[in-house]
């Protein structure tokens, strides 16, 4: 659950709705400067299912020591590793290419997004369950890559595809978590402009006003992009336990939280 303080309310967005928004970003991706990395359809599918492991947690999220809904970065990692592994199992079973990208994403959650966020912590210093999760996913990636075919070509495609998924993931979190609400500038690092672009480019996301952000350089086909996401609001309160939180969530109506992305803020004057 993605939790944000919104005045006297909590805004709650399920991870499965966040991944639907990532799918919107993936579908809209691509222009003369940002080529689609073929095959592209598995990347759209990976965007749409990369957080499937959160489904059960989203239905019954816990509360922290202060009675607030537990935000997704604060979920116990042992619990997280278990449900994430099961979701990757399902993705890999359905499609090897989708499973490969989702497995890399899962590993990246424990290793600084495979270096995009800095140097990963030495695995030997990590808790045993984290090492086991990372090693299992690395073995899975090797098996899936071998199953797909040409190993070198698959690894080249997967590295580009993984970085695209990270760009969509972080961009969605920027607009549905706290980046845009706080007026922050975020960077999407190493975004590939084509299949062979190993270094990639840095894409900046800048706040313009409430619900509107500018993306530079612009990676989408159209000059504007509306990306709604389902959200629920509940009172900012101290919930004594998970059952009380679930009861409040059951009473909350779902409404779209819509954000507009644009290439050139000057064009907003004519909209």
Protein backbone atom coordinates (compact mmCIF):
# COMPACT_ATOMS: atom_id res chain seq x y z
CA UNK A 1 0.00 0.00 0.00
CA UNK A 2 1.32 3.43 -0.99
CA UNK A 3 0.45 5.77 1.88
CA UNK A 4 0.48 9.56 1.71
CA UNK A 5 -0.66 12.20 4.21
CA UNK A 6 -3.22 14.44 2.50
CA UNK A 7 -4.31 17.11 4.98
CA UNK A 8 -6.57 15.46 7.54
CA UNK A 9 -6.70 12.22 5.52
CA UNK A 10 -4.53 9.35 4.40
CA UNK A 11 -4.45 8.76 0.65
CA UNK A 12 -4.04 5.04 0.00
CA UNK A 13 -3.10 3.55 -3.36
CA UNK A 14 -2.77 -0.17 -3.87
CA UNK A 15 0.40 -1.50 -5.44
CA UNK A 16 -1.70 -3.31 -8.04
CA UNK A 17 -3.17 0.04 -9.11
CA UNK A 18 0.33 1.50 -9.20
CA UNK A 19 1.41 -1.28 -11.56
CA UNK A 20 -1.63 -0.58 -13.75
CA UNK A 21 -0.39 2.99 -14.00
CA UNK A 22 3.07 1.69 -14.93
CA UNK A 23 1.34 -0.24 -17.71
CA UNK A 24 -0.19 3.02 -18.96
CA UNK A 25 3.26 4.62 -19.04
CA UNK A 26 4.71 1.62 -20.89
CA UNK A 27 1.92 1.63 -23.46
CA UNK A 28 2.43 5.36 -24.14
CA UNK A 29 6.23 5.04 -24.37
CA UNK A 30 8.31 5.75 -27.44
CA UNK A 31 9.10 8.50 -29.95
CA UNK A 32 11.95 9.55 -32.27
CA UNK A 33 14.32 9.97 -29.32
CA UNK A 34 13.23 6.93 -27.29
CA UNK A 35 12.87 3.79 -29.37
CA UNK A 36 10.86 0.81 -28.15
CA UNK A 37 13.14 -2.12 -27.35
CA UNK A 38 11.88 -5.13 -29.28
CA UNK A 39 10.17 -7.28 -28.23
CA UNK A 40 8.26 -4.59 -26.38
CA UNK A 41 5.00 -6.32 -25.46
CA UNK A 42 6.66 -8.42 -22.69
CA UNK A 43 7.86 -5.17 -21.12
CA UNK A 44 4.32 -3.79 -21.05
CA UNK A 45 3.17 -7.05 -19.47
CA UNK A 46 6.00 -6.88 -16.92
CA UNK A 47 4.99 -3.33 -16.02
CA UNK A 48 1.43 -4.53 -15.44
CA UNK A 49 2.40 -7.41 -13.13
CA UNK A 50 5.72 -6.49 -11.47
CA UNK A 51 4.05 -5.82 -8.10
CA UNK A 52 1.53 -8.67 -8.12
CA UNK A 53 3.05 -9.98 -4.92
CA UNK A 54 1.39 -7.15 -3.00
CA UNK A 55 -2.18 -8.27 -3.78
CA UNK A 56 -2.82 -10.06 -0.50
CA UNK A 57 -1.14 -7.31 1.56
CA UNK A 58 -3.16 -4.60 -0.20
CA UNK A 59 -6.37 -6.35 0.87
CA UNK A 60 -5.35 -6.38 4.54
CA UNK A 61 -2.52 -3.91 5.26
CA UNK A 62 -1.16 -3.66 8.76
CA UNK A 63 -0.72 -0.67 11.06
CA UNK A 64 2.50 0.64 12.55
CA UNK A 65 3.29 1.49 16.18
CA UNK A 66 1.56 4.87 15.75
CA UNK A 67 -1.66 3.38 14.39
CA UNK A 68 -0.99 4.52 10.83
CA UNK A 69 -1.22 2.27 7.75
CA UNK A 70 2.16 0.65 7.10
CA UNK A 71 3.73 2.29 4.06
CA UNK A 72 5.18 -0.03 1.44
CA UNK A 73 8.90 0.67 2.18
CA UNK A 74 8.31 -0.26 5.83
CA UNK A 75 6.86 -3.74 5.32
CA UNK A 76 8.99 -6.40 7.04
CA UNK A 77 11.49 -7.61 4.45
CA UNK A 78 11.17 -11.26 5.36
CA UNK A 79 7.44 -11.03 4.63
CA UNK A 80 8.12 -9.02 1.49
CA UNK A 81 10.68 -11.47 0.09
CA UNK A 82 8.27 -14.37 0.53
CA UNK A 83 5.30 -12.87 -1.27
CA UNK A 84 7.47 -11.31 -3.97
CA UNK A 85 9.06 -14.65 -4.76
CA UNK A 86 5.67 -16.29 -5.25
CA UNK A 87 4.57 -13.53 -7.65
CA UNK A 88 7.75 -13.94 -9.70
CA UNK A 89 7.01 -17.67 -9.85
CA UNK A 90 3.67 -16.89 -11.49
CA UNK A 91 5.14 -14.38 -13.95
CA UNK A 92 7.92 -16.77 -15.00
CA UNK A 93 5.46 -19.63 -15.42
CA UNK A 94 3.28 -17.58 -17.77
CA UNK A 95 6.04 -16.01 -19.89
CA UNK A 96 9.82 -16.40 -19.66
CA UNK A 97 10.58 -12.88 -20.91
CA UNK A 98 8.12 -11.26 -18.53
CA UNK A 99 9.41 -13.43 -15.69
CA UNK A 100 12.99 -12.42 -16.43
CA UNK A 101 12.25 -8.70 -16.16
CA UNK A 102 10.09 -9.11 -13.04
CA UNK A 103 12.79 -11.26 -11.42
CA UNK A 104 15.40 -8.58 -12.10
CA UNK A 105 13.04 -6.03 -10.57
CA UNK A 106 12.62 -8.20 -7.47
CA UNK A 107 16.37 -8.59 -7.07
CA UNK A 108 16.82 -4.88 -7.65
CA UNK A 109 14.58 -4.07 -4.69
CA UNK A 110 17.30 -5.56 -2.49
CA UNK A 111 20.33 -4.37 -4.46
CA UNK A 112 19.90 -0.67 -5.14
CA UNK A 113 17.95 -1.38 -8.34
CA UNK A 114 20.94 -3.34 -9.64
CA UNK A 115 23.22 -0.34 -9.22
CA UNK A 116 20.97 2.40 -10.59
CA UNK A 117 20.70 3.86 -7.07
CA UNK A 118 24.34 3.40 -6.14
CA UNK A 119 26.56 0.53 -5.14
CA UNK A 120 24.65 -2.41 -3.62
CA UNK A 121 25.48 -3.52 -0.10
CA UNK A 122 27.81 -6.54 0.12
CA UNK A 123 25.57 -9.62 -0.02
CA UNK A 124 27.60 -11.36 2.69
CA UNK A 125 26.50 -8.72 5.19
CA UNK A 126 22.81 -9.18 4.41
CA UNK A 127 20.35 -11.29 6.44
CA UNK A 128 20.20 -14.91 5.32
CA UNK A 129 16.70 -14.63 3.85
CA UNK A 130 17.81 -11.69 1.68
CA UNK A 131 20.85 -13.58 0.39
CA UNK A 132 18.69 -16.58 -0.38
CA UNK A 133 16.16 -14.43 -2.23
CA UNK A 134 18.85 -12.68 -4.30
CA UNK A 135 20.67 -15.91 -5.14
CA UNK A 136 17.42 -17.66 -6.07
CA UNK A 137 16.46 -14.84 -8.43
CA UNK A 138 19.90 -14.79 -10.06
CA UNK A 139 19.61 -18.54 -10.68
CA UNK A 140 16.10 -18.02 -12.04
CA UNK A 141 17.31 -15.31 -14.40
CA UNK A 142 20.02 -17.60 -15.78
CA UNK A 143 17.50 -20.39 -16.33
CA UNK A 144 14.97 -18.08 -18.01
CA UNK A 145 17.62 -16.47 -20.21
CA UNK A 146 18.78 -19.91 -21.36
CA UNK A 147 15.19 -20.89 -22.10
CA UNK A 148 14.54 -17.75 -24.16
CA UNK A 149 17.43 -18.39 -26.55
CA UNK A 150 20.49 -16.39 -27.60
CA UNK A 151 22.03 -15.59 -24.20
CA UNK A 152 23.95 -12.46 -25.22
CA UNK A 153 20.97 -11.00 -27.09
CA UNK A 154 18.62 -11.82 -24.23
CA UNK A 155 20.88 -10.21 -21.65
CA UNK A 156 21.18 -7.06 -23.80
CA UNK A 157 17.39 -6.88 -24.15
CA UNK A 158 16.82 -7.61 -20.46
CA UNK A 159 19.19 -4.87 -19.27
CA UNK A 160 17.39 -2.31 -21.43
CA UNK A 161 13.98 -3.66 -20.41
CA UNK A 162 14.82 -3.66 -16.72
CA UNK A 163 15.87 -0.01 -16.88
CA UNK A 164 12.66 0.90 -18.70
CA UNK A 165 10.61 -0.80 -15.99
CA UNK A 166 12.55 1.16 -13.37
CA UNK A 167 11.78 4.41 -15.20
CA UNK A 168 8.04 3.63 -15.30
CA UNK A 169 8.07 2.44 -11.69
CA UNK A 170 9.80 5.53 -10.33
CA UNK A 171 7.77 7.92 -12.49
CA UNK A 172 4.54 6.38 -11.20
CA UNK A 173 5.77 6.62 -7.60
CA UNK A 174 6.68 10.26 -8.21
CA UNK A 175 3.11 11.15 -9.14
CA UNK A 176 1.20 8.81 -6.78
CA UNK A 177 3.39 8.85 -3.65
CA UNK A 178 5.02 12.08 -2.43
CA UNK A 179 7.43 13.48 -5.05
CA UNK A 180 4.96 15.69 -6.90
CA UNK A 181 2.96 16.54 -3.77
CA UNK A 182 6.12 17.87 -2.11
CA UNK A 183 7.25 19.80 -5.18
CA UNK A 184 10.41 17.71 -5.54
CA UNK A 185 12.55 17.15 -8.63
CA UNK A 186 13.30 13.49 -9.30
CA UNK A 187 15.68 11.87 -11.75
CA UNK A 188 15.13 8.64 -13.67
CA UNK A 189 18.70 7.40 -14.25
CA UNK A 190 20.15 5.44 -17.17
CA UNK A 191 16.94 5.37 -19.24
CA UNK A 192 17.78 3.59 -22.52
CA UNK A 193 17.06 5.45 -25.75
CA UNK A 194 17.40 2.23 -27.76
CA UNK A 195 18.23 -1.44 -27.27
CA UNK A 196 22.00 -0.90 -27.48
CA UNK A 197 22.13 2.18 -25.25
CA UNK A 198 23.91 0.66 -22.26
CA UNK A 199 24.50 3.96 -20.49
CA UNK A 200 21.12 5.59 -21.08
CA UNK A 201 20.14 9.16 -20.28
CA UNK A 202 18.93 10.90 -17.15
CA UNK A 203 15.27 11.93 -17.40
CA UNK A 204 14.17 14.71 -15.07
CA UNK A 205 10.69 14.99 -13.59
CA UNK A 206 9.79 18.50 -12.42
CA UNK A 207 6.67 19.74 -10.58
CA UNK A 208 4.67 22.49 -12.28
CA UNK A 209 1.57 22.76 -10.12
CA UNK A 210 -0.80 20.46 -8.28
CA UNK A 211 -1.39 17.41 -10.44
CA UNK A 212 0.93 18.51 -13.25
CA UNK A 213 4.56 17.57 -13.92
CA UNK A 214 7.05 18.13 -16.72
CA UNK A 215 9.28 15.31 -18.02
CA UNK A 216 12.58 16.16 -19.77
CA UNK A 217 13.64 14.82 -22.19
CA UNK A 218 10.18 13.69 -23.22
CA UNK A 219 9.93 9.93 -23.86
CA UNK A 220 6.29 9.52 -24.91
CA UNK A 221 4.57 9.53 -28.30
CA UNK A 222 2.10 12.32 -27.49
CA UNK A 223 3.00 15.77 -26.07
CA UNK A 224 0.64 15.30 -23.09
CA UNK A 225 -0.19 12.25 -21.05
CA UNK A 226 -2.95 11.83 -18.47
CA UNK A 227 -2.30 8.96 -16.07
CA UNK A 228 -5.15 8.31 -13.64
CA UNK A 229 -4.78 5.90 -10.75
CA UNK A 230 -7.39 4.53 -8.35
CA UNK A 231 -7.07 5.93 -4.82
CA UNK A 232 -8.95 5.86 -1.54
CA UNK A 233 -8.97 8.39 1.29
CA UNK A 234 -9.55 7.56 4.95
CA UNK A 235 -9.42 9.80 8.06
CA UNK A 236 -5.99 10.65 9.44
CA UNK A 237 -6.46 8.77 12.65
CA UNK A 238 -4.80 6.30 15.03
CA UNK A 239 -6.08 2.87 14.06
CA UNK A 240 -5.77 0.41 16.96
CA UNK A 241 -5.20 -2.63 14.76
CA UNK A 242 -5.32 -3.98 11.22
CA UNK A 243 -9.00 -4.88 11.57
CA UNK A 244 -9.93 -1.25 12.34
CA UNK A 245 -7.93 -0.08 9.34
CA UNK A 246 -9.56 -2.67 7.07
CA UNK A 247 -12.99 -1.56 8.29
CA UNK A 248 -12.20 2.05 7.42
CA UNK A 249 -10.89 1.00 4.02
CA UNK A 250 -14.07 -0.97 3.33
CA UNK A 251 -16.11 2.20 3.85
CA UNK A 252 -13.88 4.38 1.67
CA UNK A 253 -15.00 5.11 -1.87
CA UNK A 254 -12.51 4.73 -4.70
CA UNK A 255 -11.82 7.81 -6.80
CA UNK A 256 -9.32 8.48 -9.59
CA UNK A 257 -6.20 10.44 -8.69
CA UNK A 258 -5.25 11.96 -12.03
CA UNK A 259 -1.95 13.56 -13.01
CA UNK A 260 -1.01 15.32 -16.24
CA UNK A 261 2.50 14.90 -17.66
CA UNK A 262 3.75 17.28 -20.33
CA UNK A 263 6.81 17.82 -22.49
CA UNK A 264 6.76 21.62 -22.54
CA UNK A 265 5.11 23.62 -19.74
CA UNK A 266 4.58 26.51 -22.15
CA UNK A 267 2.00 24.44 -23.99
CA UNK A 268 -0.15 24.32 -20.88
CA UNK A 269 -1.18 27.93 -21.57
CA UNK A 270 -3.32 26.77 -24.46
CA UNK A 271 -5.01 23.90 -22.60
